[in-house]
Amino acid sequence: MVWLMILLAVGIIVGNLMLLKHTAHIKMPSLKDKQQRHQDDLEDDDWRDD
């Protein structure tokens, strides 16, 4: 039973490291770009009565 728990813990650790390596090259959008897109979406809404 202890071996199963150790194997499960090692599997989780290895899986997380593989996921981290796989996603390391993905570029996150900057906050400025996100705010600009959000502002553009708000301006394009037809239901707003500004």
PDB file of N, CA and C in Angstrom:
ATOM      1  N   MET A   1       0.831  -1.204   0.000  1.00  0.00           N
ATOM      2  CA  MET A   1       0.000   0.000   0.000  1.00  0.00           C
ATOM      3  C   MET A   1       0.871   1.261   0.000  1.00  0.00           C
ATOM      4  N   VAL A   2       1.960   1.231   0.729  1.00  0.00           N
ATOM      5  CA  VAL A   2       2.855   2.383   0.789  1.00  0.00           C
ATOM      6  C   VAL A   2       3.492   2.622  -0.584  1.00  0.00           C
ATOM      7  N   TRP A   3       3.832   1.535  -1.286  1.00  0.00           N
ATOM      8  CA  TRP A   3       4.433   1.676  -2.605  1.00  0.00           C
ATOM      9  C   TRP A   3       3.472   2.326  -3.588  1.00  0.00           C
ATOM     10  N   LEU A   4       2.212   2.015  -3.461  1.00  0.00           N
ATOM     11  CA  LEU A   4       1.211   2.625  -4.338  1.00  0.00           C
ATOM     12  C   LEU A   4       1.121   4.128  -4.106  1.00  0.00           C
ATOM     13  N   MET A   5       1.164   4.537  -2.850  1.00  0.00           N
ATOM     14  CA  MET A   5       1.108   5.975  -2.535  1.00  0.00           C
ATOM     15  C   MET A   5       2.364   6.687  -3.017  1.00  0.00           C
ATOM     16  N   ILE A   6       3.523   6.040  -2.874  1.00  0.00           N
ATOM     17  CA  ILE A   6       4.773   6.637  -3.347  1.00  0.00           C
ATOM     18  C   ILE A   6       4.751   6.755  -4.869  1.00  0.00           C
ATOM     19  N   LEU A   7       4.294   5.709  -5.546  1.00  0.00           N
ATOM     20  CA  LEU A   7       4.201   5.727  -6.995  1.00  0.00           C
ATOM     21  C   LEU A   7       3.235   6.810  -7.477  1.00  0.00           C
ATOM     22  N   LEU A   8       2.133   6.974  -6.800  1.00  0.00           N
ATOM     23  CA  LEU A   8       1.167   8.014  -7.147  1.00  0.00           C
ATOM     24  C   LEU A   8       1.774   9.407  -6.957  1.00  0.00           C
ATOM     25  N   ALA A   9       2.470   9.623  -5.866  1.00  0.00           N
ATOM     26  CA  ALA A   9       3.092  10.926  -5.614  1.00  0.00           C
ATOM     27  C   ALA A   9       4.156  11.237  -6.665  1.00  0.00           C
ATOM     28  N   VAL A  10       4.977  10.248  -7.001  1.00  0.00           N
ATOM     29  CA  VAL A  10       6.014  10.454  -8.022  1.00  0.00           C
ATOM     30  C   VAL A  10       5.359  10.722  -9.373  1.00  0.00           C
ATOM     31  N   GLY A  11       4.291  10.017  -9.678  1.00  0.00           N
ATOM     32  CA  GLY A  11       3.583  10.242 -10.935  1.00  0.00           C
ATOM     33  C   GLY A  11       3.017  11.644 -11.033  1.00  0.00           C
ATOM     34  N   ILE A  12       2.466  12.145  -9.941  1.00  0.00           N
ATOM     35  CA  ILE A  12       1.928  13.510  -9.933  1.00  0.00           C
ATOM     36  C   ILE A  12       3.047  14.534 -10.128  1.00  0.00           C
ATOM     37  N   ILE A  13       4.162  14.315  -9.454  1.00  0.00           N
ATOM     38  CA  ILE A  13       5.291  15.246  -9.573  1.00  0.00           C
ATOM     39  C   ILE A  13       5.842  15.246 -10.994  1.00  0.00           C
ATOM     40  N   VAL A  14       6.030  14.072 -11.561  1.00  0.00           N
ATOM     41  CA  VAL A  14       6.560  13.976 -12.924  1.00  0.00           C
ATOM     42  C   VAL A  14       5.565  14.589 -13.921  1.00  0.00           C
ATOM     43  N   GLY A  15       4.289  14.337 -13.727  1.00  0.00           N
ATOM     44  CA  GLY A  15       3.284  14.912 -14.611  1.00  0.00           C
ATOM     45  C   GLY A  15       3.276  16.429 -14.554  1.00  0.00           C
ATOM     46  N   ASN A  16       3.393  16.983 -13.365  1.00  0.00           N
ATOM     47  CA  ASN A  16       3.429  18.440 -13.231  1.00  0.00           C
ATOM     48  C   ASN A  16       4.679  19.031 -13.874  1.00  0.00           C
ATOM     49  N   LEU A  17       5.818  18.356 -13.726  1.00  0.00           N
ATOM     50  CA  LEU A  17       7.047  18.843 -14.362  1.00  0.00           C
ATOM     51  C   LEU A  17       6.944  18.779 -15.886  1.00  0.00           C
ATOM     52  N   MET A  18       6.340  17.729 -16.409  1.00  0.00           N
ATOM     53  CA  MET A  18       6.157  17.630 -17.860  1.00  0.00           C
ATOM     54  C   MET A  18       5.217  18.716 -18.372  1.00  0.00           C
ATOM     55  N   LEU A  19       4.153  18.986 -17.634  1.00  0.00           N
ATOM     56  CA  LEU A  19       3.232  20.056 -18.016  1.00  0.00           C
ATOM     57  C   LEU A  19       3.906  21.420 -17.975  1.00  0.00           C
ATOM     58  N   LEU A  20       4.729  21.641 -16.966  1.00  0.00           N
ATOM     59  CA  LEU A  20       5.453  22.902 -16.858  1.00  0.00           C
ATOM     60  C   LEU A  20       6.414  23.086 -18.029  1.00  0.00           C
ATOM     61  N   LYS A  21       7.107  22.013 -18.396  1.00  0.00           N
ATOM     62  CA  LYS A  21       8.030  22.090 -19.527  1.00  0.00           C
ATOM     63  C   LYS A  21       7.278  22.344 -20.832  1.00  0.00           C
ATOM     64  N   HIS A  22       6.134  21.722 -20.983  1.00  0.00           N
ATOM     65  CA  HIS A  22       5.346  21.875 -22.212  1.00  0.00           C
ATOM     66  C   HIS A  22       4.787  23.291 -22.355  1.00  0.00           C
ATOM     67  N   THR A  23       4.404  23.917 -21.260  1.00  0.00           N
ATOM     68  CA  THR A  23       3.788  25.235 -21.322  1.00  0.00           C
ATOM     69  C   THR A  23       4.783  26.371 -21.109  1.00  0.00           C
ATOM     70  N   ALA A  24       6.062  26.066 -20.965  1.00  0.00           N
ATOM     71  CA  ALA A  24       7.052  27.105 -20.674  1.00  0.00           C
ATOM     72  C   ALA A  24       7.229  28.080 -21.838  1.00  0.00           C
ATOM     73  N   HIS A  25       7.025  27.634 -23.075  1.00  0.00           N
ATOM     74  CA  HIS A  25       7.254  28.496 -24.224  1.00  0.00           C
ATOM     75  C   HIS A  25       6.021  29.294 -24.617  1.00  0.00           C
ATOM     76  N   ILE A  26       4.898  29.054 -23.981  1.00  0.00           N
ATOM     77  CA  ILE A  26       3.675  29.771 -24.309  1.00  0.00           C
ATOM     78  C   ILE A  26       3.753  31.185 -23.737  1.00  0.00           C
ATOM     79  N   LYS A  27       3.488  32.166 -24.583  1.00  0.00           N
ATOM     80  CA  LYS A  27       3.591  33.557 -24.162  1.00  0.00           C
ATOM     81  C   LYS A  27       2.241  34.035 -23.631  1.00  0.00           C
ATOM     82  N   MET A  28       2.247  34.596 -22.453  1.00  0.00           N
ATOM     83  CA  MET A  28       1.030  35.128 -21.850  1.00  0.00           C
ATOM     84  C   MET A  28       0.760  36.521 -22.417  1.00  0.00           C
ATOM     85  N   PRO A  29      -0.497  36.837 -22.705  1.00  0.00           N
ATOM     86  CA  PRO A  29      -0.799  38.193 -23.179  1.00  0.00           C
ATOM     87  C   PRO A  29      -0.577  39.202 -22.051  1.00  0.00           C
ATOM     88  N   SER A  30      -0.130  40.374 -22.422  1.00  0.00           N
ATOM     89  CA  SER A  30       0.125  41.382 -21.404  1.00  0.00           C
ATOM     90  C   SER A  30      -1.186  41.969 -20.892  1.00  0.00           C
ATOM     91  N   LEU A  31      -1.142  42.534 -19.719  1.00  0.00           N
ATOM     92  CA  LEU A  31      -2.331  43.128 -19.109  1.00  0.00           C
ATOM     93  C   LEU A  31      -2.826  44.303 -19.940  1.00  0.00           C
ATOM     94  N   LYS A  32      -1.909  45.052 -20.535  1.00  0.00           N
ATOM     95  CA  LYS A  32      -2.289  46.200 -21.356  1.00  0.00           C
ATOM     96  C   LYS A  32      -3.104  45.748 -22.575  1.00  0.00           C
ATOM     97  N   ASP A  33      -2.667  44.661 -23.222  1.00  0.00           N
ATOM     98  CA  ASP A  33      -3.404  44.142 -24.375  1.00  0.00           C
ATOM     99  C   ASP A  33      -4.778  43.647 -23.960  1.00  0.00           C
ATOM    100  N   LYS A  34      -4.852  43.001 -22.822  1.00  0.00           N
ATOM    101  CA  LYS A  34      -6.130  42.470 -22.345  1.00  0.00           C
ATOM    102  C   LYS A  34      -7.104  43.610 -22.042  1.00  0.00           C
ATOM    103  N   GLN A  35      -6.626  44.671 -21.419  1.00  0.00           N
ATOM    104  CA  GLN A  35      -7.485  45.807 -21.116  1.00  0.00           C
ATOM    105  C   GLN A  35      -7.956  46.483 -22.404  1.00  0.00           C
ATOM    106  N   GLN A  36      -7.075  46.557 -23.392  1.00  0.00           N
ATOM    107  CA  GLN A  36      -7.441  47.185 -24.666  1.00  0.00           C
ATOM    108  C   GLN A  36      -8.527  46.372 -25.364  1.00  0.00           C
ATOM    109  N   ARG A  37      -8.393  45.044 -25.369  1.00  0.00           N
ATOM    110  CA  ARG A  37      -9.411  44.204 -26.000  1.00  0.00           C
ATOM    111  C   ARG A  37     -10.723  44.299 -25.257  1.00  0.00           C
ATOM    112  N   HIS A  38     -10.670  44.372 -23.932  1.00  0.00           N
ATOM    113  CA  HIS A  38     -11.888  44.493 -23.136  1.00  0.00           C
ATOM    114  C   HIS A  38     -12.585  45.819 -23.434  1.00  0.00           C
ATOM    115  N   GLN A  39     -11.821  46.888 -23.562  1.00  0.00           N
ATOM    116  CA  GLN A  39     -12.387  48.200 -23.871  1.00  0.00           C
ATOM    117  C   GLN A  39     -13.018  48.191 -25.261  1.00  0.00           C
ATOM    118  N   ASP A  40     -12.361  47.530 -26.219  1.00  0.00           N
ATOM    119  CA  ASP A  40     -12.915  47.446 -27.570  1.00  0.00           C
ATOM    120  C   ASP A  40     -14.220  46.656 -27.571  1.00  0.00           C
ATOM    121  N   ASP A  41     -14.289  45.591 -26.784  1.00  0.00           N
ATOM    122  CA  ASP A  41     -15.520  44.803 -26.688  1.00  0.00           C
ATOM    123  C   ASP A  41     -16.649  45.630 -26.109  1.00  0.00           C
ATOM    124  N   LEU A  42     -16.361  46.453 -25.121  1.00  0.00           N
ATOM    125  CA  LEU A  42     -17.400  47.284 -24.512  1.00  0.00           C
ATOM    126  C   LEU A  42     -17.910  48.336 -25.492  1.00  0.00           C
ATOM    127  N   GLU A  43     -17.021  48.868 -26.305  1.00  0.00           N
ATOM    128  CA  GLU A  43     -17.427  49.885 -27.275  1.00  0.00           C
ATOM    129  C   GLU A  43     -18.274  49.285 -28.389  1.00  0.00           C
ATOM    130  N   ASP A  44     -18.105  48.010 -28.679  1.00  0.00           N
ATOM    131  CA  ASP A  44     -18.835  47.362 -29.770  1.00  0.00           C
ATOM    132  C   ASP A  44     -20.202  46.842 -29.344  1.00  0.00           C
ATOM    133  N   ASP A  45     -20.525  46.851 -28.070  1.00  0.00           N
ATOM    134  CA  ASP A  45     -21.815  46.342 -27.611  1.00  0.00           C
ATOM    135  C   ASP A  45     -22.941  47.249 -28.083  1.00  0.00           C
ATOM    136  N   ASP A  46     -24.002  46.638 -28.628  1.00  0.00           N
ATOM    137  CA  ASP A  46     -25.152  47.401 -29.131  1.00  0.00           C
ATOM    138  C   ASP A  46     -26.144  47.736 -28.040  1.00  0.00           C
ATOM    139  N   TRP A  47     -26.148  47.010 -26.958  1.00  0.00           N
ATOM    140  CA  TRP A  47     -27.167  47.190 -25.936  1.00  0.00           C
ATOM    141  C   TRP A  47     -26.900  48.359 -25.007  1.00  0.00           C
ATOM    142  N   ARG A  48     -25.709  48.907 -25.088  1.00  0.00           N
ATOM    143  CA  ARG A  48     -25.369  50.034 -24.206  1.00  0.00           C
ATOM    144  C   ARG A  48     -25.920  51.321 -24.763  1.00  0.00           C
ATOM    145  N   ASP A  49     -26.446  52.166 -23.920  1.00  0.00           N
ATOM    146  CA  ASP A  49     -26.984  53.468 -24.323  1.00  0.00           C
ATOM    147  C   ASP A  49     -26.089  54.558 -23.780  1.00  0.00           C
ATOM    148  N   ASP A  50     -24.953  54.766 -24.411  1.00  0.00           N
ATOM    149  CA  ASP A  50     -24.027  55.818 -23.945  1.00  0.00           C
ATOM    150  C   ASP A  50     -24.319  57.111 -24.638  1.00  0.00           C
TER     151      ASP A  50
END
